[in-house]
C-alpha atoms as a PDB file:
ATOM      1  CA  UNK A   1       0.187  -0.008   0.140  1.00  0.00           C
ATOM      2  CA  UNK A   2       1.936   2.916  -1.315  1.00  0.00           C
ATOM      3  CA  UNK A   3      -0.252   5.646   0.145  1.00  0.00           C
ATOM      4  CA  UNK A   4      -0.211   4.072   3.557  1.00  0.00           C
ATOM      5  CA  UNK A   5       3.845   4.068   3.530  1.00  0.00           C
ATOM      6  CA  UNK A   6       3.871   7.808   2.352  1.00  0.00           C
ATOM      7  CA  UNK A   7       1.465   8.806   5.050  1.00  0.00           C
ATOM      8  CA  UNK A   8       3.920   6.922   7.357  1.00  0.00           C
ATOM      9  CA  UNK A   9       7.125   8.864   5.895  1.00  0.00           C
ATOM     10  CA  UNK A  10       5.608  11.818   6.042  1.00  0.00           C
ATOM     11  CA  UNK A  11       4.437  11.364   9.719  1.00  0.00           C
ATOM     12  CA  UNK A  12       8.075  10.341  10.599  1.00  0.00           C
ATOM     13  CA  UNK A  13       9.392  13.370   8.842  1.00  0.00           C
ATOM     14  CA  UNK A  14       7.374  15.630  10.589  1.00  0.00           C
ATOM     15  CA  UNK A  15       8.362  14.301  14.077  1.00  0.00           C
ATOM     16  CA  UNK A  16      11.779  13.794  13.429  1.00  0.00           C
ATOM     17  CA  UNK A  17      12.896  16.434  11.098  1.00  0.00           C
ATOM     18  CA  UNK A  18      16.347  15.815   9.045  1.00  0.00           C
ATOM     19  CA  UNK A  19      18.126  14.035  12.188  1.00  0.00           C
ATOM     20  CA  UNK A  20      17.693  10.740  10.910  1.00  0.00           C
ATOM     21  CA  UNK A  21      18.555   8.739   7.762  1.00  0.00           C
ATOM     22  CA  UNK A  22      15.491   6.990   6.618  1.00  0.00           C
ATOM     23  CA  UNK A  23      15.940   3.612   4.366  1.00  0.00           C
ATOM     24  CA  UNK A  24      13.503   1.558   3.009  1.00  0.00           C
ATOM     25  CA  UNK A  25      13.941  -2.263   2.686  1.00  0.00           C
ATOM     26  CA  UNK A  26      14.377  -3.645  -1.222  1.00  0.00           C
ATOM     27  CA  UNK A  27      16.566  -6.113  -2.582  1.00  0.00           C
ATOM     28  CA  UNK A  28      15.603  -7.785  -5.596  1.00  0.00           C
ATOM     29  CA  UNK A  29      18.784 -10.006  -5.896  1.00  0.00           C
ATOM     30  CA  UNK A  30      18.284 -13.864  -4.896  1.00  0.00           C
ATOM     31  CA  UNK A  31      19.136 -14.620  -1.481  1.00  0.00           C
ATOM     32  CA  UNK A  32      20.118 -17.642   0.475  1.00  0.00           C
ATOM     33  CA  UNK A  33      16.812 -19.737  -0.101  1.00  0.00           C
ATOM     34  CA  UNK A  34      15.034 -21.000   2.858  1.00  0.00           C
ATOM     35  CA  UNK A  35      14.945 -24.971   3.992  1.00  0.00           C
ATOM     36  CA  UNK A  36      11.545 -25.202   1.778  1.00  0.00           C
ATOM     37  CA  UNK A  37      12.806 -24.620  -1.549  1.00  0.00           C
ATOM     38  CA  UNK A  38      16.857 -24.877  -1.204  1.00  0.00           C
ATOM     39  CA  UNK A  39      16.981 -27.865  -3.460  1.00  0.00           C
ATOM     40  CA  UNK A  40      14.755 -26.589  -5.993  1.00  0.00           C
ATOM     41  CA  UNK A  41      16.434 -23.533  -6.304  1.00  0.00           C
ATOM     42  CA  UNK A  42      20.109 -25.031  -6.077  1.00  0.00           C
ATOM     43  CA  UNK A  43      18.841 -27.495  -9.054  1.00  0.00           C
ATOM     44  CA  UNK A  44      17.287 -24.464 -10.967  1.00  0.00           C
ATOM     45  CA  UNK A  45      20.325 -22.582 -10.920  1.00  0.00           C
ATOM     46  CA  UNK A  46      22.342 -25.279 -12.827  1.00  0.00           C
ATOM     47  CA  UNK A  47      19.416 -26.771 -14.998  1.00  0.00           C
ATOM     48  CA  UNK A  48      17.194 -23.587 -15.850  1.00  0.00           C
ATOM     49  CA  UNK A  49      19.756 -20.755 -15.660  1.00  0.00           C
ATOM     50  CA  UNK A  50      17.711 -18.449 -18.246  1.00  0.00           C
ATOM     51  CA  UNK A  51      14.612 -19.093 -15.979  1.00  0.00           C
ATOM     52  CA  UNK A  52      16.692 -17.756 -13.014  1.00  0.00           C
ATOM     53  CA  UNK A  53      17.694 -14.788 -14.960  1.00  0.00           C
ATOM     54  CA  UNK A  54      14.527 -13.899 -15.930  1.00  0.00           C
ATOM     55  CA  UNK A  55      13.060 -13.919 -12.479  1.00  0.00           C
ATOM     56  CA  UNK A  56      15.899 -11.930 -11.616  1.00  0.00           C
ATOM     57  CA  UNK A  57      15.106  -9.257 -14.280  1.00  0.00           C
ATOM     58  CA  UNK A  58      11.411  -9.520 -13.408  1.00  0.00           C
ATOM     59  CA  UNK A  59      12.335  -8.753  -9.667  1.00  0.00           C
ATOM     60  CA  UNK A  60      14.921  -5.923 -10.904  1.00  0.00           C
ATOM     61  CA  UNK A  61      12.565  -4.204 -12.628  1.00  0.00           C
ATOM     62  CA  UNK A  62       9.616  -4.270  -9.774  1.00  0.00           C
ATOM     63  CA  UNK A  63      12.312  -2.626  -7.550  1.00  0.00           C
ATOM     64  CA  UNK A  64      13.056   0.218  -9.886  1.00  0.00           C
ATOM     65  CA  UNK A  65       9.280   1.056 -10.447  1.00  0.00           C
ATOM     66  CA  UNK A  66       8.716   1.088  -6.742  1.00  0.00           C
ATOM     67  CA  UNK A  67      11.798   3.305  -6.368  1.00  0.00           C
ATOM     68  CA  UNK A  68      10.148   5.747  -8.960  1.00  0.00           C
ATOM     69  CA  UNK A  69       7.416   6.266  -6.934  1.00  0.00           C
ATOM     70  CA  UNK A  70       9.055   7.072  -3.976  1.00  0.00           C
ATOM     71  CA  UNK A  71      11.385   9.476  -5.904  1.00  0.00           C
ATOM     72  CA  UNK A  72       8.271  11.558  -6.665  1.00  0.00           C
ATOM     73  CA  UNK A  73       8.045  12.275  -3.111  1.00  0.00           C
ATOM     74  CA  UNK A  74      11.344  14.110  -2.662  1.00  0.00           C
ATOM     75  CA  UNK A  75      12.737  14.231   0.960  1.00  0.00           C
ATOM     76  CA  UNK A  76      10.874  11.432   2.291  1.00  0.00           C
ATOM     77  CA  UNK A  77      13.180   8.676   1.605  1.00  0.00           C
ATOM     78  CA  UNK A  78      17.262   9.072   2.020  1.00  0.00           C
ATOM     79  CA  UNK A  79      17.993   5.433   0.561  1.00  0.00           C
ATOM     80  CA  UNK A  80      17.524   1.684   0.319  1.00  0.00           C
ATOM     81  CA  UNK A  81      19.073  -1.057   2.719  1.00  0.00           C
ATOM     82  CA  UNK A  82      19.419  -4.300   0.427  1.00  0.00           C
ATOM     83  CA  UNK A  83      19.190  -7.055   2.528  1.00  0.00           C
ATOM     84  CA  UNK A  84      19.497 -10.025   0.520  1.00  0.00           C
ATOM     85  CA  UNK A  85      22.021 -12.264   2.639  1.00  0.00           C
ATOM     86  CA  UNK A  86      24.492 -14.571   0.545  1.00  0.00           C
ATOM     87  CA  UNK A  87      26.703 -16.253   3.088  1.00  0.00           C
ATOM     88  CA  UNK A  88      26.567 -18.547   5.565  1.00  0.00           C
ATOM     89  CA  UNK A  89      29.133 -18.369   8.508  1.00  0.00           C
ATOM     90  CA  UNK A  90      31.533 -20.603   6.798  1.00  0.00           C
ATOM     91  CA  UNK A  91      31.230 -19.343   3.310  1.00  0.00           C
ATOM     92  CA  UNK A  92      28.896 -17.963   0.574  1.00  0.00           C
ATOM     93  CA  UNK A  93      25.824 -19.704  -0.610  1.00  0.00           C
ATOM     94  CA  UNK A  94      26.745 -18.579  -3.820  1.00  0.00           C
ATOM     95  CA  UNK A  95      30.092 -19.311  -5.208  1.00  0.00           C
ATOM     96  CA  UNK A  96      32.187 -16.672  -6.923  1.00  0.00           C
ATOM     97  CA  UNK A  97      31.182 -17.929 -10.297  1.00  0.00           C
ATOM     98  CA  UNK A  98      27.365 -18.282  -9.547  1.00  0.00           C
ATOM     99  CA  UNK A  99      27.708 -14.493  -7.809  1.00  0.00           C
ATOM    100  CA  UNK A 100      28.939 -12.928 -11.304  1.00  0.00           C
ATOM    101  CA  UNK A 101      26.143 -14.778 -13.371  1.00  0.00           C
ATOM    102  CA  UNK A 102      23.022 -14.393 -11.219  1.00  0.00           C
ATOM    103  CA  UNK A 103      23.743 -11.876  -8.590  1.00  0.00           C
ATOM    104  CA  UNK A 104      26.392  -9.241  -9.717  1.00  0.00           C
ATOM    105  CA  UNK A 105      24.894  -7.686 -12.832  1.00  0.00           C
ATOM    106  CA  UNK A 106      21.332  -7.246 -11.100  1.00  0.00           C
ATOM    107  CA  UNK A 107      22.816  -5.868  -7.724  1.00  0.00           C
ATOM    108  CA  UNK A 108      25.027  -3.398  -9.586  1.00  0.00           C
ATOM    109  CA  UNK A 109      22.149  -2.518 -11.755  1.00  0.00           C
ATOM    110  CA  UNK A 110      19.463  -2.033  -9.026  1.00  0.00           C
ATOM    111  CA  UNK A 111      22.276   0.190  -6.922  1.00  0.00           C
ATOM    112  CA  UNK A 112      23.146   2.109 -10.126  1.00  0.00           C
ATOM    113  CA  UNK A 113      19.047   2.777 -10.643  1.00  0.00           C
ATOM    114  CA  UNK A 114      18.550   3.908  -7.086  1.00  0.00           C
ATOM    115  CA  UNK A 115      21.523   6.418  -7.340  1.00  0.00           C
ATOM    116  CA  UNK A 116      20.169   8.077 -10.314  1.00  0.00           C
ATOM    117  CA  UNK A 117      16.987   8.647  -8.582  1.00  0.00           C
ATOM    118  CA  UNK A 118      18.777  10.282  -5.667  1.00  0.00           C
ATOM    119  CA  UNK A 119      18.819   7.658  -3.353  1.00  0.00           C
ATOM    120  CA  UNK A 120      21.708   6.364  -1.176  1.00  0.00           C
ATOM    121  CA  UNK A 121      22.342   2.187  -0.777  1.00  0.00           C
ATOM    122  CA  UNK A 122      23.519   0.172   1.991  1.00  0.00           C
ATOM    123  CA  UNK A 123      24.369  -3.482   0.935  1.00  0.00           C
ATOM    124  CA  UNK A 124      23.673  -5.710   3.958  1.00  0.00           C
ATOM    125  CA  UNK A 125      24.993  -9.594   4.048  1.00  0.00           C
ATOM    126  CA  UNK A 126      26.202 -11.255   6.874  1.00  0.00           C
ATOM    127  CA  UNK A 127      28.306 -14.423   7.106  1.00  0.00           C
ATOM    128  CA  UNK A 128      31.711 -15.262   5.516  1.00  0.00           C
ATOM    129  CA  UNK A 129      31.404 -12.404   2.826  1.00  0.00           C
ATOM    130  CA  UNK A 130      35.241 -12.444   1.993  1.00  0.00           C
ATOM    131  CA  UNK A 131      35.308 -14.666  -0.873  1.00  0.00           C
ATOM    132  CA  UNK A 132      32.721 -12.653  -3.038  1.00  0.00           C
ATOM    133  CA  UNK A 133      33.444  -9.386  -0.929  1.00  0.00           C
ATOM    134  CA  UNK A 134      35.621  -7.573  -3.630  1.00  0.00           C
ATOM    135  CA  UNK A 135      32.529  -8.179  -6.169  1.00  0.00           C
ATOM    136  CA  UNK A 136      30.240  -6.311  -3.875  1.00  0.00           C
ATOM    137  CA  UNK A 137      32.409  -3.539  -3.765  1.00  0.00           C
ATOM    138  CA  UNK A 138      32.641  -3.664  -7.497  1.00  0.00           C
ATOM    139  CA  UNK A 139      28.894  -3.110  -7.709  1.00  0.00           C
ATOM    140  CA  UNK A 140      29.290   0.189  -5.801  1.00  0.00           C
ATOM    141  CA  UNK A 141      26.798   0.625  -3.038  1.00  0.00           C
ATOM    142  CA  UNK A 142      27.531   3.620  -1.165  1.00  0.00           C
ATOM    143  CA  UNK A 143      28.209   1.340   1.936  1.00  0.00           C
ATOM    144  CA  UNK A 144      28.493  -2.463   3.078  1.00  0.00           C
ATOM    145  CA  UNK A 145      27.234  -3.947   6.192  1.00  0.00           C
ATOM    146  CA  UNK A 146      27.757  -6.214   8.283  1.00  0.00           C
ATOM    147  CA  UNK A 147      31.145  -7.455   8.426  1.00  0.00           C
ATOM    148  CA  UNK A 148      30.196 -10.198  10.755  1.00  0.00           C
ATOM    149  CA  UNK A 149      32.878 -11.612  13.033  1.00  0.00           C
ATOM    150  CA  UNK A 150      30.441 -14.685  13.648  1.00  0.00           C
ATOM    151  CA  UNK A 151      31.364 -15.296   9.817  1.00  0.00           C
ATOM    152  CA  UNK A 152      35.182 -14.749  10.587  1.00  0.00           C
ATOM    153  CA  UNK A 153      35.527 -11.282   8.945  1.00  0.00           C
ATOM    154  CA  UNK A 154      38.202  -9.204  10.201  1.00  0.00           C
ATOM    155  CA  UNK A 155      37.337  -5.452   9.991  1.00  0.00           C
ATOM    156  CA  UNK A 156      41.235  -4.465   9.949  1.00  0.00           C
ATOM    157  CA  UNK A 157      41.716  -6.567   6.748  1.00  0.00           C
ATOM    158  CA  UNK A 158      38.579  -5.117   4.791  1.00  0.00           C
ATOM    159  CA  UNK A 159      39.616  -1.893   5.941  1.00  0.00           C
ATOM    160  CA  UNK A 160      42.837  -2.620   4.442  1.00  0.00           C
ATOM    161  CA  UNK A 161      41.936  -4.102   1.200  1.00  0.00           C
ATOM    162  CA  UNK A 162      39.047  -2.085   0.266  1.00  0.00           C
ATOM    163  CA  UNK A 163      38.868   0.998   2.740  1.00  0.00           C
ATOM    164  CA  UNK A 164      40.033   3.453  -0.008  1.00  0.00           C
ATOM    165  CA  UNK A 165      37.096   2.196  -2.298  1.00  0.00           C
ATOM    166  CA  UNK A 166      34.267   1.879   0.269  1.00  0.00           C
ATOM    167  CA  UNK A 167      32.376   2.830   3.574  1.00  0.00           C
ATOM    168  CA  UNK A 168      32.097   0.027   5.781  1.00  0.00           C
ATOM    169  CA  UNK A 169      29.267  -0.475   8.639  1.00  0.00           C
ATOM    170  CA  UNK A 170      29.312  -2.721  11.586  1.00  0.00           C
ATOM    171  CA  UNK A 171      31.448  -5.646  12.970  1.00  0.00           C
ATOM    172  CA  UNK A 172      30.659  -5.688  16.655  1.00  0.00           C
ATOM    173  CA  UNK A 173      29.622  -8.830  17.785  1.00  0.00           C
ATOM    174  CA  UNK A 174      25.830  -9.417  18.376  1.00  0.00           C
ATOM    175  CA  UNK A 175      26.077 -12.677  19.920  1.00  0.00           C
ATOM    176  CA  UNK A 176      29.168 -11.750  22.306  1.00  0.00           C
ATOM    177  CA  UNK A 177      26.595  -8.576  23.318  1.00  0.00           C
ATOM    178  CA  UNK A 178      24.019 -11.108  24.132  1.00  0.00           C
ATOM    179  CA  UNK A 179      26.188 -13.765  26.041  1.00  0.00           C
ATOM    180  CA  UNK A 180      29.353 -12.631  26.885  1.00  0.00           C
ATOM    181  CA  UNK A 181      30.551 -10.717  29.884  1.00  0.00           C
ATOM    182  CA  UNK A 182      30.547  -7.104  30.287  1.00  0.00           C
ATOM    183  CA  UNK A 183      34.471  -7.215  30.093  1.00  0.00           C
ATOM    184  CA  UNK A 184      34.233  -9.267  26.732  1.00  0.00           C
ATOM    185  CA  UNK A 185      31.433  -6.983  25.126  1.00  0.00           C
ATOM    186  CA  UNK A 186      33.737  -3.531  26.124  1.00  0.00           C
ATOM    187  CA  UNK A 187      36.840  -5.154  24.760  1.00  0.00           C
ATOM    188  CA  UNK A 188      34.807  -5.898  21.364  1.00  0.00           C
ATOM    189  CA  UNK A 189      33.209  -2.879  20.860  1.00  0.00           C
ATOM    190  CA  UNK A 190      36.692  -0.911  21.233  1.00  0.00           C
ATOM    191  CA  UNK A 191      38.317  -3.519  19.117  1.00  0.00           C
ATOM    192  CA  UNK A 192      35.832  -2.582  16.304  1.00  0.00           C
ATOM    193  CA  UNK A 193      36.187   1.342  17.008  1.00  0.00           C
ATOM    194  CA  UNK A 194      39.940   1.021  17.079  1.00  0.00           C
ATOM    195  CA  UNK A 195      40.063  -1.254  13.472  1.00  0.00           C
ATOM    196  CA  UNK A 196      37.193   0.732  11.985  1.00  0.00           C
ATOM    197  CA  UNK A 197      38.752   4.179  12.832  1.00  0.00           C
ATOM    198  CA  UNK A 198      42.494   3.151  12.121  1.00  0.00           C
ATOM    199  CA  UNK A 199      42.082   4.860   8.751  1.00  0.00           C
ATOM    200  CA  UNK A 200      40.536   7.944   9.845  1.00  0.00           C
ATOM    201  CA  UNK A 201      37.623   7.807   7.490  1.00  0.00           C
ATOM    202  CA  UNK A 202      35.212   5.040   5.782  1.00  0.00           C
ATOM    203  CA  UNK A 203      33.890   3.589   8.801  1.00  0.00           C
ATOM    204  CA  UNK A 204      30.486   3.742  10.593  1.00  0.00           C
ATOM    205  CA  UNK A 205      29.996   2.266  13.876  1.00  0.00           C
ATOM    206  CA  UNK A 206      27.468  -0.250  14.266  1.00  0.00           C
ATOM    207  CA  UNK A 207      26.451  -3.812  15.403  1.00  0.00           C
ATOM    208  CA  UNK A 208      26.963  -6.401  13.039  1.00  0.00           C
ATOM    209  CA  UNK A 209      23.481  -7.543  12.619  1.00  0.00           C
ATOM    210  CA  UNK A 210      20.051  -6.076  13.942  1.00  0.00           C
ATOM    211  CA  UNK A 211      20.428  -6.655  17.526  1.00  0.00           C
ATOM    212  CA  UNK A 212      18.900  -9.791  18.731  1.00  0.00           C
ATOM    213  CA  UNK A 213      15.451 -10.053  20.240  1.00  0.00           C
ATOM    214  CA  UNK A 214      16.048 -10.478  24.006  1.00  0.00           C
ATOM    215  CA  UNK A 215      19.224  -8.235  24.369  1.00  0.00           C
ATOM    216  CA  UNK A 216      19.141  -6.247  27.507  1.00  0.00           C
ATOM    217  CA  UNK A 217      18.846  -2.536  26.813  1.00  0.00           C
ATOM    218  CA  UNK A 218      21.755  -1.954  29.155  1.00  0.00           C
ATOM    219  CA  UNK A 219      23.878  -3.829  27.041  1.00  0.00           C
ATOM    220  CA  UNK A 220      23.118  -1.466  24.048  1.00  0.00           C
ATOM    221  CA  UNK A 221      23.330   1.468  25.864  1.00  0.00           C
ATOM    222  CA  UNK A 222      26.495   0.369  27.245  1.00  0.00           C
ATOM    223  CA  UNK A 223      27.667   0.001  23.862  1.00  0.00           C
ATOM    224  CA  UNK A 224      26.911   3.385  22.711  1.00  0.00           C
ATOM    225  CA  UNK A 225      28.437   4.932  25.962  1.00  0.00           C
ATOM    226  CA  UNK A 226      31.746   3.469  24.980  1.00  0.00           C
ATOM    227  CA  UNK A 227      31.284   4.826  21.533  1.00  0.00           C
END
């Protein structure tokens, strides 16, 4: 319901002004399929690649068409969070070659399309993104989140490799915030700050994912006090 969303965005802007960066969620690219269709989707990638590309193209066109609607209401939306997850903690679900064929071209085009309409983009995927991170950087989002420490992603390494080309967001360990001791949490927050700030630019402090349901508010407030 677009009109209801416009009302909601107008209400938020009226109450908050320009203090907050407002994002919509829209990512037409394929994500890791859930357990109900993982086998079928995997087979289709190999046996019906043209069908997959037709679906990817249709999803891309739908996203751009929706963005055109919001672009007509200037000032309500600042950008898009693209939240299709590509990776497990061990490795990406999509191999680099599959990413190049079924993900990258459509990710680059939706980012470019959003940019031409005046929107910023933040590309999110957690897990071990390292085998495909260079490809995501090449798609030129404005920033990349989440640099997941649970997936073995090292913030210092990422900043060294791509810090001159990309803004990065995240890397505070959500699981540690939830289950670690206060000392462990404090140390991880300070580690992320030190590693992210080492270049002097290009890092936005953030958790590595949405904070988990049930996280004590005191933990979140403690993290922000350290920041």
